[in-house]
């Protein structure tokens, strides 16, 4: 999950397209390096994303778009497979589905409704209320366009094979360095030193991250 002190989803079209294009070029080579993801341990041992949420969210949006394609084809076995492996998990004690990736408080409900829910569900029509929601919506459209470009002119069988190849590649060949640190202060120090893809972190982002970490439970 993305903690409250992390910024909202902020990737522009350029960063989203670059990630999709990078994956397209890498898929024939058999491996792709997604960069470093920094995590801290939150309440109850839940992993909180200190760095990497833009990439994780965008990859999730792409996988959801592939799920949507299979849903339109009524290929429910592949719909359920993608959802269970990448999008949702089951909280047995609460007897409900929960998202594998939860964004921050400003974005999470919109992300859940518009990205994680299935096509045709009424909540998919939730209008964006914030700039970050609009960025998520644009990324969703770009992901859908990318999926269509992959399957255009292909037979139904070839479409399925192509998209499953992408799912397998993301699941098994997109590599990261996973750095888990004990607290937000350590994450802040790592955050300063790591060079990552996408939008550069501003001094204001770093300062906010540090101050929220110092405030702790007083938030």
N, C-alpha and C. Protein backbone atom coordinates (compact mmCIF):
# COMPACT_ATOMS: atom_id res chain seq x y z
N UNK A 1 0.84 -1.20 0.00
CA UNK A 1 0.00 0.00 0.00
C UNK A 1 0.87 1.24 0.00
N UNK A 2 0.30 2.31 -0.53
CA UNK A 2 1.00 3.59 -0.57
C UNK A 2 0.58 4.38 0.66
N UNK A 3 1.51 4.77 1.53
CA UNK A 3 1.14 5.49 2.75
C UNK A 3 0.65 6.90 2.47
N UNK A 4 0.07 7.50 3.50
CA UNK A 4 -0.58 8.80 3.35
C UNK A 4 0.40 9.90 2.94
N UNK A 5 1.67 9.75 3.33
CA UNK A 5 2.63 10.82 3.05
C UNK A 5 3.20 10.79 1.64
N UNK A 6 2.87 9.75 0.86
CA UNK A 6 3.37 9.69 -0.50
C UNK A 6 2.47 10.49 -1.45
N UNK A 7 3.09 11.03 -2.48
CA UNK A 7 2.34 11.86 -3.43
C UNK A 7 1.35 11.01 -4.22
N UNK A 8 0.45 11.69 -4.88
CA UNK A 8 -0.57 11.02 -5.66
C UNK A 8 0.04 10.47 -6.96
N UNK A 9 -0.77 9.70 -7.69
CA UNK A 9 -0.33 9.24 -9.00
C UNK A 9 -0.09 10.45 -9.88
N UNK A 10 1.09 10.53 -10.49
CA UNK A 10 1.45 11.77 -11.18
C UNK A 10 2.12 11.56 -12.53
N UNK A 11 2.16 10.32 -13.01
CA UNK A 11 2.80 10.13 -14.31
C UNK A 11 1.98 10.76 -15.42
N UNK A 12 2.70 11.45 -16.31
CA UNK A 12 2.08 12.03 -17.50
C UNK A 12 2.09 10.99 -18.62
N UNK A 13 1.43 11.33 -19.73
CA UNK A 13 1.34 10.40 -20.86
C UNK A 13 2.72 9.93 -21.31
N UNK A 14 3.69 10.84 -21.29
CA UNK A 14 5.04 10.51 -21.78
C UNK A 14 5.66 9.36 -20.98
N UNK A 15 5.53 9.41 -19.64
CA UNK A 15 6.12 8.36 -18.82
C UNK A 15 5.39 7.03 -19.01
N UNK A 16 4.06 7.09 -19.15
CA UNK A 16 3.28 5.87 -19.35
C UNK A 16 3.66 5.20 -20.67
N UNK A 17 3.69 6.01 -21.74
CA UNK A 17 4.06 5.47 -23.06
C UNK A 17 5.47 4.91 -23.05
N UNK A 18 6.38 5.59 -22.36
CA UNK A 18 7.77 5.13 -22.31
C UNK A 18 7.86 3.75 -21.66
N UNK A 19 7.12 3.54 -20.59
CA UNK A 19 7.13 2.24 -19.93
C UNK A 19 6.58 1.16 -20.85
N UNK A 20 5.46 1.42 -21.51
CA UNK A 20 4.87 0.44 -22.42
C UNK A 20 5.81 0.15 -23.59
N UNK A 21 6.44 1.19 -24.13
CA UNK A 21 7.38 1.00 -25.24
C UNK A 21 8.61 0.21 -24.80
N UNK A 22 9.10 0.49 -23.59
CA UNK A 22 10.24 -0.25 -23.06
C UNK A 22 9.90 -1.74 -22.94
N UNK A 23 8.71 -2.04 -22.43
CA UNK A 23 8.28 -3.43 -22.30
C UNK A 23 8.17 -4.09 -23.68
N UNK A 24 7.64 -3.34 -24.65
CA UNK A 24 7.48 -3.88 -26.00
C UNK A 24 8.84 -4.26 -26.60
N UNK A 25 9.82 -3.39 -26.40
CA UNK A 25 11.16 -3.67 -26.93
C UNK A 25 11.83 -4.81 -26.18
N UNK A 26 11.59 -4.89 -24.87
CA UNK A 26 12.29 -5.87 -24.04
C UNK A 26 11.70 -7.27 -24.15
N UNK A 27 10.44 -7.37 -24.53
CA UNK A 27 9.77 -8.66 -24.48
C UNK A 27 10.42 -9.68 -25.41
N UNK A 28 11.05 -9.21 -26.48
CA UNK A 28 11.73 -10.14 -27.39
C UNK A 28 13.11 -10.54 -26.87
N UNK A 29 13.59 -9.81 -25.86
CA UNK A 29 14.91 -10.08 -25.31
C UNK A 29 14.87 -10.98 -24.08
N UNK A 30 13.67 -11.15 -23.52
CA UNK A 30 13.51 -12.10 -22.43
C UNK A 30 13.62 -11.56 -21.03
N UNK A 31 13.98 -10.28 -20.85
CA UNK A 31 14.08 -9.72 -19.50
C UNK A 31 13.97 -8.20 -19.57
N UNK A 32 13.54 -7.62 -18.46
CA UNK A 32 13.41 -6.16 -18.39
C UNK A 32 13.62 -5.73 -16.94
N UNK A 33 14.42 -4.69 -16.73
CA UNK A 33 14.68 -4.17 -15.39
C UNK A 33 13.78 -2.97 -15.12
N UNK A 34 12.90 -3.13 -14.14
CA UNK A 34 11.94 -2.08 -13.79
C UNK A 34 12.48 -1.07 -12.79
N UNK A 35 13.68 -1.31 -12.27
CA UNK A 35 14.25 -0.37 -11.32
C UNK A 35 14.16 -0.87 -9.89
N UNK A 36 14.33 0.04 -8.95
CA UNK A 36 14.33 -0.29 -7.54
C UNK A 36 13.01 0.12 -6.90
N UNK A 37 12.48 -0.75 -6.07
CA UNK A 37 11.29 -0.45 -5.28
C UNK A 37 11.69 -0.47 -3.81
N UNK A 38 11.39 0.62 -3.09
CA UNK A 38 11.73 0.72 -1.68
C UNK A 38 10.46 0.57 -0.85
N UNK A 39 10.50 -0.36 0.10
CA UNK A 39 9.35 -0.63 0.96
C UNK A 39 9.72 -0.43 2.42
N UNK A 40 8.74 -0.07 3.22
CA UNK A 40 8.88 -0.09 4.67
C UNK A 40 7.76 -0.96 5.23
N UNK A 41 7.89 -1.36 6.48
CA UNK A 41 6.87 -2.18 7.11
C UNK A 41 5.95 -1.30 7.95
N UNK A 42 4.66 -1.34 7.61
CA UNK A 42 3.67 -0.55 8.32
C UNK A 42 2.96 -1.37 9.37
N UNK A 43 1.78 -0.92 9.74
CA UNK A 43 1.01 -1.60 10.78
C UNK A 43 0.66 -3.02 10.34
N UNK A 44 0.75 -3.94 11.28
CA UNK A 44 0.40 -5.32 11.00
C UNK A 44 1.31 -6.00 10.01
N UNK A 45 2.49 -5.40 9.79
CA UNK A 45 3.44 -6.00 8.85
C UNK A 45 3.15 -5.70 7.40
N UNK A 46 2.12 -4.86 7.14
CA UNK A 46 1.80 -4.50 5.75
C UNK A 46 2.96 -3.73 5.13
N UNK A 47 3.28 -4.04 3.89
CA UNK A 47 4.37 -3.37 3.20
C UNK A 47 3.89 -2.06 2.60
N UNK A 48 4.61 -0.97 2.90
CA UNK A 48 4.26 0.35 2.40
C UNK A 48 5.30 0.80 1.39
N UNK A 49 4.83 1.41 0.30
CA UNK A 49 5.70 1.78 -0.81
C UNK A 49 6.29 3.16 -0.57
N UNK A 50 7.60 3.20 -0.32
CA UNK A 50 8.29 4.48 -0.17
C UNK A 50 8.75 5.03 -1.51
N UNK A 51 9.06 4.14 -2.44
CA UNK A 51 9.47 4.55 -3.79
C UNK A 51 9.11 3.45 -4.77
N UNK A 52 8.43 3.83 -5.85
CA UNK A 52 8.08 2.85 -6.87
C UNK A 52 6.60 2.78 -7.19
N UNK A 53 5.80 3.62 -6.51
CA UNK A 53 4.35 3.50 -6.72
C UNK A 53 3.91 3.85 -8.13
N UNK A 54 4.59 4.77 -8.80
CA UNK A 54 4.19 5.15 -10.15
C UNK A 54 4.32 3.96 -11.09
N UNK A 55 5.45 3.23 -10.98
CA UNK A 55 5.66 2.06 -11.83
C UNK A 55 4.69 0.94 -11.46
N UNK A 56 4.54 0.68 -10.16
CA UNK A 56 3.64 -0.39 -9.73
C UNK A 56 2.20 -0.11 -10.18
N UNK A 57 1.76 1.13 -10.03
CA UNK A 57 0.40 1.49 -10.42
C UNK A 57 0.21 1.37 -11.93
N UNK A 58 1.21 1.81 -12.69
CA UNK A 58 1.09 1.78 -14.16
C UNK A 58 1.10 0.35 -14.68
N UNK A 59 1.95 -0.50 -14.11
CA UNK A 59 1.94 -1.91 -14.49
C UNK A 59 0.59 -2.54 -14.15
N UNK A 60 0.03 -2.19 -13.00
CA UNK A 60 -1.28 -2.70 -12.61
C UNK A 60 -2.36 -2.24 -13.60
N UNK A 61 -2.28 -0.99 -14.03
CA UNK A 61 -3.23 -0.46 -15.01
C UNK A 61 -3.13 -1.24 -16.32
N UNK A 62 -1.91 -1.57 -16.75
CA UNK A 62 -1.74 -2.34 -17.98
C UNK A 62 -2.32 -3.75 -17.83
N UNK A 63 -2.05 -4.41 -16.72
CA UNK A 63 -2.59 -5.75 -16.49
C UNK A 63 -4.12 -5.71 -16.43
N UNK A 64 -4.67 -4.65 -15.84
CA UNK A 64 -6.13 -4.52 -15.79
C UNK A 64 -6.70 -4.34 -17.20
N UNK A 65 -5.98 -3.64 -18.06
CA UNK A 65 -6.44 -3.46 -19.44
C UNK A 65 -6.43 -4.79 -20.20
N UNK A 66 -5.42 -5.62 -19.94
CA UNK A 66 -5.40 -6.95 -20.55
C UNK A 66 -6.56 -7.78 -20.02
N UNK A 67 -6.82 -7.69 -18.71
CA UNK A 67 -7.99 -8.36 -18.13
C UNK A 67 -9.28 -7.90 -18.80
N UNK A 68 -9.39 -6.60 -19.05
CA UNK A 68 -10.58 -6.05 -19.69
C UNK A 68 -10.78 -6.62 -21.09
N UNK A 69 -9.69 -6.83 -21.82
CA UNK A 69 -9.79 -7.42 -23.16
C UNK A 69 -10.34 -8.83 -23.07
N UNK A 70 -9.82 -9.62 -22.14
CA UNK A 70 -10.31 -10.98 -21.98
C UNK A 70 -11.78 -10.98 -21.54
N UNK A 71 -12.14 -9.99 -20.72
CA UNK A 71 -13.53 -9.90 -20.28
C UNK A 71 -14.44 -9.63 -21.48
N UNK A 72 -14.02 -8.75 -22.37
CA UNK A 72 -14.82 -8.45 -23.56
C UNK A 72 -14.97 -9.68 -24.44
N UNK A 73 -13.98 -10.56 -24.41
CA UNK A 73 -14.04 -11.80 -25.19
C UNK A 73 -14.74 -12.92 -24.43
N UNK A 74 -15.19 -12.62 -23.22
CA UNK A 74 -15.84 -13.61 -22.35
C UNK A 74 -14.91 -14.80 -22.03
N UNK A 75 -13.63 -14.51 -21.97
CA UNK A 75 -12.64 -15.50 -21.56
C UNK A 75 -12.46 -15.38 -20.05
N UNK A 76 -13.41 -15.91 -19.31
CA UNK A 76 -13.47 -15.66 -17.87
C UNK A 76 -12.36 -16.38 -17.11
N UNK A 77 -11.83 -17.45 -17.66
CA UNK A 77 -10.74 -18.15 -16.98
C UNK A 77 -9.50 -17.26 -16.90
N UNK A 78 -9.19 -16.58 -18.00
CA UNK A 78 -8.04 -15.68 -17.98
C UNK A 78 -8.34 -14.40 -17.20
N UNK A 79 -9.58 -13.95 -17.22
CA UNK A 79 -9.98 -12.81 -16.38
C UNK A 79 -9.68 -13.12 -14.92
N UNK A 80 -10.15 -14.27 -14.46
CA UNK A 80 -9.97 -14.64 -13.06
C UNK A 80 -8.51 -14.88 -12.73
N UNK A 81 -7.76 -15.45 -13.66
CA UNK A 81 -6.35 -15.71 -13.42
C UNK A 81 -5.58 -14.41 -13.20
N UNK A 82 -5.79 -13.41 -14.05
CA UNK A 82 -5.09 -12.13 -13.91
C UNK A 82 -5.51 -11.43 -12.62
N UNK A 83 -6.81 -11.46 -12.33
CA UNK A 83 -7.28 -10.81 -11.11
C UNK A 83 -6.66 -11.45 -9.87
N UNK A 84 -6.64 -12.76 -9.81
CA UNK A 84 -6.15 -13.44 -8.61
C UNK A 84 -4.65 -13.32 -8.44
N UNK A 85 -3.92 -13.30 -9.56
CA UNK A 85 -2.47 -13.25 -9.45
C UNK A 85 -1.92 -11.85 -9.28
N UNK A 86 -2.57 -10.86 -9.90
CA UNK A 86 -1.99 -9.52 -9.94
C UNK A 86 -2.85 -8.41 -9.33
N UNK A 87 -4.16 -8.53 -9.39
CA UNK A 87 -5.01 -7.39 -9.03
C UNK A 87 -5.61 -7.49 -7.63
N UNK A 88 -6.06 -8.67 -7.27
CA UNK A 88 -6.76 -8.84 -5.99
C UNK A 88 -6.24 -10.04 -5.23
N UNK A 89 -6.53 -10.06 -3.95
CA UNK A 89 -6.33 -11.25 -3.15
C UNK A 89 -7.55 -11.39 -2.25
N UNK A 90 -7.64 -12.49 -1.54
CA UNK A 90 -8.80 -12.76 -0.70
C UNK A 90 -8.42 -12.59 0.77
N UNK A 91 -9.18 -11.75 1.47
CA UNK A 91 -9.06 -11.65 2.92
C UNK A 91 -10.06 -12.65 3.50
N UNK A 92 -9.54 -13.82 3.91
CA UNK A 92 -10.44 -14.89 4.33
C UNK A 92 -11.23 -14.53 5.57
N UNK A 93 -10.59 -13.83 6.52
CA UNK A 93 -11.30 -13.49 7.75
C UNK A 93 -12.43 -12.51 7.50
N UNK A 94 -12.21 -11.55 6.56
CA UNK A 94 -13.25 -10.58 6.24
C UNK A 94 -14.17 -11.09 5.13
N UNK A 95 -13.78 -12.20 4.50
CA UNK A 95 -14.55 -12.81 3.43
C UNK A 95 -14.82 -11.81 2.30
N UNK A 96 -13.76 -11.18 1.83
CA UNK A 96 -13.92 -10.24 0.73
C UNK A 96 -12.62 -10.13 -0.06
N UNK A 97 -12.75 -9.60 -1.27
CA UNK A 97 -11.57 -9.35 -2.09
C UNK A 97 -10.93 -8.02 -1.67
N UNK A 98 -9.63 -7.99 -1.64
CA UNK A 98 -8.91 -6.75 -1.36
C UNK A 98 -7.85 -6.55 -2.44
N UNK A 99 -7.55 -5.31 -2.73
CA UNK A 99 -6.59 -4.99 -3.78
C UNK A 99 -5.18 -5.36 -3.35
N UNK A 100 -4.40 -5.91 -4.29
CA UNK A 100 -3.00 -6.18 -4.00
C UNK A 100 -2.21 -4.89 -3.87
N UNK A 101 -2.60 -3.87 -4.61
CA UNK A 101 -1.95 -2.56 -4.52
C UNK A 101 -3.00 -1.53 -4.12
N UNK A 102 -2.77 -0.87 -3.00
CA UNK A 102 -3.65 0.22 -2.56
C UNK A 102 -2.89 1.53 -2.66
N UNK A 103 -3.44 2.49 -3.40
CA UNK A 103 -2.80 3.80 -3.53
C UNK A 103 -3.11 4.65 -2.30
N UNK A 104 -2.64 5.90 -2.32
CA UNK A 104 -2.82 6.71 -1.12
C UNK A 104 -4.28 7.13 -0.95
N UNK A 105 -4.56 7.83 0.13
CA UNK A 105 -5.95 8.10 0.52
C UNK A 105 -6.70 8.91 -0.53
N UNK A 106 -6.00 9.73 -1.30
CA UNK A 106 -6.66 10.56 -2.30
C UNK A 106 -7.01 9.80 -3.57
N UNK A 107 -6.26 8.74 -3.86
CA UNK A 107 -6.41 8.04 -5.14
C UNK A 107 -7.01 6.65 -5.03
N UNK A 108 -6.96 6.05 -3.84
CA UNK A 108 -7.22 4.62 -3.76
C UNK A 108 -8.64 4.25 -4.17
N UNK A 109 -9.63 5.00 -3.72
CA UNK A 109 -11.01 4.64 -4.04
C UNK A 109 -11.27 4.77 -5.54
N UNK A 110 -10.75 5.83 -6.14
CA UNK A 110 -10.91 6.00 -7.58
C UNK A 110 -10.21 4.87 -8.33
N UNK A 111 -9.00 4.54 -7.91
CA UNK A 111 -8.22 3.46 -8.53
C UNK A 111 -8.98 2.13 -8.42
N UNK A 112 -9.53 1.87 -7.26
CA UNK A 112 -10.28 0.63 -7.06
C UNK A 112 -11.50 0.57 -7.96
N UNK A 113 -12.22 1.67 -8.03
CA UNK A 113 -13.46 1.69 -8.80
C UNK A 113 -13.22 1.63 -10.31
N UNK A 114 -12.28 2.42 -10.80
CA UNK A 114 -12.13 2.61 -12.24
C UNK A 114 -11.15 1.61 -12.87
N UNK A 115 -10.14 1.20 -12.13
CA UNK A 115 -9.12 0.31 -12.68
C UNK A 115 -9.36 -1.14 -12.28
N UNK A 116 -9.58 -1.40 -11.01
CA UNK A 116 -9.62 -2.78 -10.52
C UNK A 116 -10.96 -3.45 -10.76
N UNK A 117 -12.05 -2.69 -10.77
CA UNK A 117 -13.36 -3.31 -11.00
C UNK A 117 -13.48 -3.75 -12.46
N UNK A 118 -14.39 -4.66 -12.71
CA UNK A 118 -14.55 -5.20 -14.06
C UNK A 118 -15.34 -4.26 -14.96
N UNK A 119 -15.14 -4.35 -16.27
CA UNK A 119 -15.93 -3.54 -17.21
C UNK A 119 -17.42 -3.82 -17.02
N UNK A 120 -18.20 -2.76 -17.17
CA UNK A 120 -19.65 -2.90 -17.06
C UNK A 120 -20.19 -2.65 -15.67
N UNK A 121 -19.31 -2.67 -14.65
CA UNK A 121 -19.78 -2.37 -13.30
C UNK A 121 -20.02 -0.87 -13.18
N UNK A 122 -21.11 -0.47 -12.52
CA UNK A 122 -21.46 0.96 -12.46
C UNK A 122 -20.34 1.85 -11.92
N UNK A 123 -19.55 1.34 -10.98
CA UNK A 123 -18.52 2.19 -10.38
C UNK A 123 -17.40 2.54 -11.36
N UNK A 124 -17.33 1.81 -12.48
CA UNK A 124 -16.33 2.16 -13.49
C UNK A 124 -16.59 3.55 -14.06
N UNK A 125 -17.81 4.06 -13.91
CA UNK A 125 -18.17 5.37 -14.45
C UNK A 125 -17.90 6.51 -13.47
N UNK A 126 -17.20 6.23 -12.36
CA UNK A 126 -16.89 7.26 -11.38
C UNK A 126 -16.10 8.40 -12.03
N UNK A 127 -16.58 9.63 -11.94
CA UNK A 127 -15.86 10.74 -12.59
C UNK A 127 -14.62 11.13 -11.79
N UNK A 128 -13.56 11.57 -12.46
CA UNK A 128 -12.36 12.01 -11.75
C UNK A 128 -12.62 13.31 -11.01
N UNK A 129 -12.08 13.40 -9.80
CA UNK A 129 -12.27 14.59 -8.98
C UNK A 129 -10.97 15.37 -8.77
N UNK A 130 -9.85 14.76 -9.06
CA UNK A 130 -8.55 15.37 -8.80
C UNK A 130 -7.67 15.22 -10.04
N UNK A 131 -6.60 16.00 -10.08
CA UNK A 131 -5.66 15.88 -11.20
C UNK A 131 -5.07 14.47 -11.26
N UNK A 132 -4.81 13.88 -10.11
CA UNK A 132 -4.25 12.53 -10.09
C UNK A 132 -5.25 11.52 -10.65
N UNK A 133 -6.54 11.72 -10.42
CA UNK A 133 -7.56 10.84 -11.00
C UNK A 133 -7.54 10.96 -12.52
N UNK A 134 -7.39 12.17 -13.00
CA UNK A 134 -7.33 12.37 -14.46
C UNK A 134 -6.10 11.69 -15.04
N UNK A 135 -4.98 11.71 -14.31
CA UNK A 135 -3.77 11.03 -14.77
C UNK A 135 -3.99 9.52 -14.82
N UNK A 136 -4.67 8.99 -13.82
CA UNK A 136 -4.99 7.55 -13.80
C UNK A 136 -5.89 7.21 -14.98
N UNK A 137 -6.88 8.05 -15.24
CA UNK A 137 -7.79 7.81 -16.35
C UNK A 137 -7.07 7.85 -17.69
N UNK A 138 -6.14 8.80 -17.85
CA UNK A 138 -5.38 8.87 -19.10
C UNK A 138 -4.50 7.63 -19.26
N UNK A 139 -3.90 7.18 -18.17
CA UNK A 139 -3.07 5.98 -18.22
C UNK A 139 -3.92 4.76 -18.59
N UNK A 140 -5.15 4.72 -18.10
CA UNK A 140 -6.06 3.62 -18.45
C UNK A 140 -6.35 3.62 -19.95
N UNK A 141 -6.61 4.80 -20.51
CA UNK A 141 -6.89 4.88 -21.95
C UNK A 141 -5.66 4.48 -22.76
N UNK A 142 -4.49 4.91 -22.33
CA UNK A 142 -3.26 4.55 -23.04
C UNK A 142 -3.01 3.05 -22.95
N UNK A 143 -3.31 2.45 -21.81
CA UNK A 143 -3.13 1.01 -21.66
C UNK A 143 -4.09 0.25 -22.57
N UNK A 144 -5.34 0.70 -22.64
CA UNK A 144 -6.31 0.05 -23.52
C UNK A 144 -5.89 0.18 -24.98
N UNK A 145 -5.37 1.36 -25.35
CA UNK A 145 -4.89 1.58 -26.72
C UNK A 145 -3.69 0.68 -27.01
N UNK A 146 -2.82 0.52 -26.03
CA UNK A 146 -1.65 -0.34 -26.22
C UNK A 146 -2.07 -1.79 -26.43
N UNK A 147 -3.03 -2.26 -25.62
CA UNK A 147 -3.52 -3.63 -25.77
C UNK A 147 -4.12 -3.83 -27.16
N UNK A 148 -4.89 -2.86 -27.61
CA UNK A 148 -5.49 -2.98 -28.94
C UNK A 148 -4.44 -3.01 -30.04
N UNK A 149 -3.35 -2.27 -29.85
CA UNK A 149 -2.28 -2.29 -30.85
C UNK A 149 -1.58 -3.65 -30.90
N UNK A 150 -1.58 -4.36 -29.77
CA UNK A 150 -0.94 -5.68 -29.72
C UNK A 150 -1.77 -6.74 -30.43
N UNK A 151 -3.09 -6.59 -30.40
CA UNK A 151 -3.95 -7.65 -30.93
C UNK A 151 -4.55 -7.32 -32.29
N UNK A 152 -4.39 -6.10 -32.74
CA UNK A 152 -4.98 -5.68 -34.01
C UNK A 152 -4.52 -6.58 -35.16
N UNK A 153 -5.46 -6.98 -35.97
CA UNK A 153 -5.24 -7.83 -37.17
C UNK A 153 -4.90 -9.27 -36.83
N UNK A 154 -4.88 -9.64 -35.58
CA UNK A 154 -4.56 -11.02 -35.20
C UNK A 154 -5.85 -11.84 -35.04
N UNK A 155 -5.74 -13.12 -35.23
CA UNK A 155 -6.87 -14.01 -34.97
C UNK A 155 -7.14 -14.10 -33.48
N UNK A 156 -8.29 -14.62 -33.10
CA UNK A 156 -8.63 -14.73 -31.68
C UNK A 156 -7.60 -15.55 -30.92
N UNK A 157 -7.16 -16.64 -31.52
CA UNK A 157 -6.17 -17.49 -30.86
C UNK A 157 -4.85 -16.75 -30.70
N UNK A 158 -4.43 -16.04 -31.74
CA UNK A 158 -3.18 -15.29 -31.68
C UNK A 158 -3.28 -14.13 -30.69
N UNK A 159 -4.46 -13.49 -30.59
CA UNK A 159 -4.65 -12.44 -29.60
C UNK A 159 -4.42 -12.96 -28.19
N UNK A 160 -5.03 -14.12 -27.90
CA UNK A 160 -4.89 -14.70 -26.58
C UNK A 160 -3.44 -15.05 -26.29
N UNK A 161 -2.77 -15.67 -27.25
CA UNK A 161 -1.37 -16.06 -27.06
C UNK A 161 -0.49 -14.83 -26.83
N UNK A 162 -0.73 -13.77 -27.59
CA UNK A 162 0.08 -12.55 -27.46
C UNK A 162 -0.08 -11.93 -26.08
N UNK A 163 -1.33 -11.78 -25.64
CA UNK A 163 -1.57 -11.13 -24.35
C UNK A 163 -1.11 -11.99 -23.18
N UNK A 164 -1.26 -13.30 -23.30
CA UNK A 164 -0.77 -14.17 -22.23
C UNK A 164 0.76 -14.14 -22.16
N UNK A 165 1.39 -13.96 -23.32
CA UNK A 165 2.85 -13.80 -23.34
C UNK A 165 3.25 -12.54 -22.57
N UNK A 166 2.50 -11.47 -22.76
CA UNK A 166 2.77 -10.23 -22.02
C UNK A 166 2.57 -10.43 -20.52
N UNK A 167 1.49 -11.11 -20.15
CA UNK A 167 1.23 -11.35 -18.73
C UNK A 167 2.36 -12.18 -18.12
N UNK A 168 2.78 -13.23 -18.81
CA UNK A 168 3.86 -14.06 -18.30
C UNK A 168 5.17 -13.27 -18.21
N UNK A 169 5.41 -12.41 -19.20
CA UNK A 169 6.63 -11.62 -19.20
C UNK A 169 6.65 -10.67 -17.99
N UNK A 170 5.54 -10.00 -17.76
CA UNK A 170 5.47 -9.08 -16.62
C UNK A 170 5.63 -9.85 -15.31
N UNK A 171 4.99 -11.01 -15.23
CA UNK A 171 5.02 -11.77 -13.99
C UNK A 171 6.35 -12.43 -13.70
N UNK A 172 7.07 -12.83 -14.75
CA UNK A 172 8.26 -13.65 -14.54
C UNK A 172 9.56 -13.03 -15.03
N UNK A 173 9.50 -12.05 -15.92
CA UNK A 173 10.74 -11.54 -16.52
C UNK A 173 10.96 -10.05 -16.33
N UNK A 174 9.99 -9.35 -15.77
CA UNK A 174 10.19 -7.95 -15.41
C UNK A 174 10.80 -7.93 -14.01
N UNK A 175 12.05 -7.53 -13.93
CA UNK A 175 12.81 -7.67 -12.69
C UNK A 175 12.92 -6.34 -11.95
N UNK A 176 12.98 -6.42 -10.63
CA UNK A 176 13.20 -5.24 -9.80
C UNK A 176 14.26 -5.57 -8.75
N UNK A 177 14.84 -4.53 -8.19
CA UNK A 177 15.59 -4.66 -6.95
C UNK A 177 14.65 -4.23 -5.84
N UNK A 178 14.36 -5.12 -4.93
CA UNK A 178 13.43 -4.84 -3.84
C UNK A 178 14.22 -4.53 -2.58
N UNK A 179 14.07 -3.31 -2.09
CA UNK A 179 14.79 -2.86 -0.91
C UNK A 179 13.78 -2.60 0.20
N UNK A 180 13.83 -3.42 1.25
CA UNK A 180 12.91 -3.26 2.38
C UNK A 180 13.69 -2.69 3.56
N UNK A 181 13.27 -1.54 4.05
CA UNK A 181 13.97 -0.86 5.15
C UNK A 181 13.06 -0.80 6.36
N UNK A 182 13.61 -0.65 7.56
CA UNK A 182 12.79 -0.81 8.76
C UNK A 182 11.83 0.33 9.06
N UNK A 183 12.11 1.54 8.56
CA UNK A 183 11.24 2.66 8.92
C UNK A 183 11.30 3.73 7.83
N UNK A 184 10.47 4.76 8.00
CA UNK A 184 10.36 5.80 6.99
C UNK A 184 11.61 6.67 6.89
N UNK A 185 12.33 6.83 8.01
CA UNK A 185 13.55 7.63 7.96
C UNK A 185 14.59 6.96 7.09
N UNK A 186 14.74 5.63 7.25
CA UNK A 186 15.67 4.91 6.37
C UNK A 186 15.20 4.98 4.93
N UNK A 187 13.89 4.90 4.71
CA UNK A 187 13.36 5.00 3.36
C UNK A 187 13.67 6.37 2.77
N UNK A 188 13.55 7.41 3.61
CA UNK A 188 13.85 8.77 3.16
C UNK A 188 15.29 8.88 2.70
N UNK A 189 16.21 8.28 3.44
CA UNK A 189 17.62 8.33 3.06
C UNK A 189 17.85 7.60 1.74
N UNK A 190 17.21 6.43 1.59
CA UNK A 190 17.35 5.69 0.35
C UNK A 190 16.72 6.46 -0.81
N UNK A 191 15.58 7.11 -0.50
CA UNK A 191 14.84 7.86 -1.51
C UNK A 191 15.71 8.96 -2.11
N UNK A 192 16.54 9.57 -1.26
CA UNK A 192 17.40 10.65 -1.72
C UNK A 192 18.46 10.17 -2.69
N UNK A 193 18.95 8.95 -2.49
CA UNK A 193 20.13 8.50 -3.22
C UNK A 193 19.82 7.69 -4.46
N UNK A 194 18.60 7.17 -4.57
CA UNK A 194 18.28 6.32 -5.71
C UNK A 194 17.93 7.16 -6.93
N UNK A 195 18.49 6.81 -8.07
CA UNK A 195 18.09 7.42 -9.34
C UNK A 195 17.06 6.50 -9.97
N UNK A 196 15.87 7.04 -10.24
CA UNK A 196 14.79 6.20 -10.73
C UNK A 196 14.23 6.78 -12.01
N UNK A 197 13.46 5.91 -12.71
CA UNK A 197 12.84 6.36 -13.95
C UNK A 197 11.62 7.21 -13.62
N UNK A 198 11.07 7.87 -14.64
CA UNK A 198 9.83 8.61 -14.43
C UNK A 198 10.10 10.02 -13.94
N UNK A 199 9.12 10.59 -13.26
CA UNK A 199 9.22 11.95 -12.76
C UNK A 199 10.21 12.03 -11.61
N UNK A 200 11.09 13.01 -11.63
CA UNK A 200 12.05 13.18 -10.57
C UNK A 200 11.34 13.67 -9.30
N UNK A 201 11.80 13.18 -8.17
CA UNK A 201 11.25 13.60 -6.90
C UNK A 201 11.77 14.98 -6.56
N UNK A 202 10.87 15.89 -6.19
CA UNK A 202 11.28 17.25 -5.88
C UNK A 202 11.73 17.34 -4.43
N UNK A 203 12.40 18.45 -4.09
CA UNK A 203 12.79 18.68 -2.70
C UNK A 203 11.57 18.75 -1.80
N UNK A 204 10.48 19.30 -2.34
CA UNK A 204 9.25 19.37 -1.54
C UNK A 204 8.72 17.98 -1.21
N UNK A 205 8.79 17.06 -2.20
CA UNK A 205 8.36 15.68 -1.95
C UNK A 205 9.21 15.04 -0.86
N UNK A 206 10.53 15.23 -0.93
CA UNK A 206 11.43 14.65 0.05
C UNK A 206 11.16 15.22 1.44
N UNK A 207 10.97 16.53 1.52
CA UNK A 207 10.72 17.17 2.80
C UNK A 207 9.40 16.70 3.39
N UNK A 208 8.37 16.61 2.55
CA UNK A 208 7.07 16.14 3.04
C UNK A 208 7.18 14.70 3.54
N UNK A 209 7.88 13.86 2.79
CA UNK A 209 8.05 12.47 3.19
C UNK A 209 8.74 12.38 4.55
N UNK A 210 9.77 13.21 4.74
CA UNK A 210 10.50 13.19 6.00
C UNK A 210 9.63 13.68 7.16
N UNK A 211 8.92 14.79 6.96
CA UNK A 211 8.11 15.36 8.04
C UNK A 211 6.97 14.43 8.46
N UNK A 212 6.32 13.80 7.48
CA UNK A 212 5.27 12.84 7.81
C UNK A 212 5.85 11.66 8.57
N UNK A 213 7.04 11.23 8.16
CA UNK A 213 7.68 10.13 8.88
C UNK A 213 8.00 10.51 10.32
N UNK A 214 8.46 11.74 10.54
CA UNK A 214 8.75 12.20 11.89
C UNK A 214 7.47 12.35 12.72
N UNK A 215 6.38 12.77 12.08
CA UNK A 215 5.13 12.96 12.81
C UNK A 215 4.55 11.63 13.32
N UNK A 216 4.79 10.57 12.55
CA UNK A 216 4.37 9.24 13.00
C UNK A 216 2.89 9.17 13.30
N UNK A 217 2.56 8.62 14.46
CA UNK A 217 1.16 8.38 14.82
C UNK A 217 0.40 9.67 15.07
N UNK A 218 1.10 10.78 15.27
CA UNK A 218 0.42 12.06 15.55
C UNK A 218 -0.39 12.55 14.36
N UNK A 219 -0.16 11.98 13.17
CA UNK A 219 -0.96 12.36 12.00
C UNK A 219 -2.43 12.08 12.28
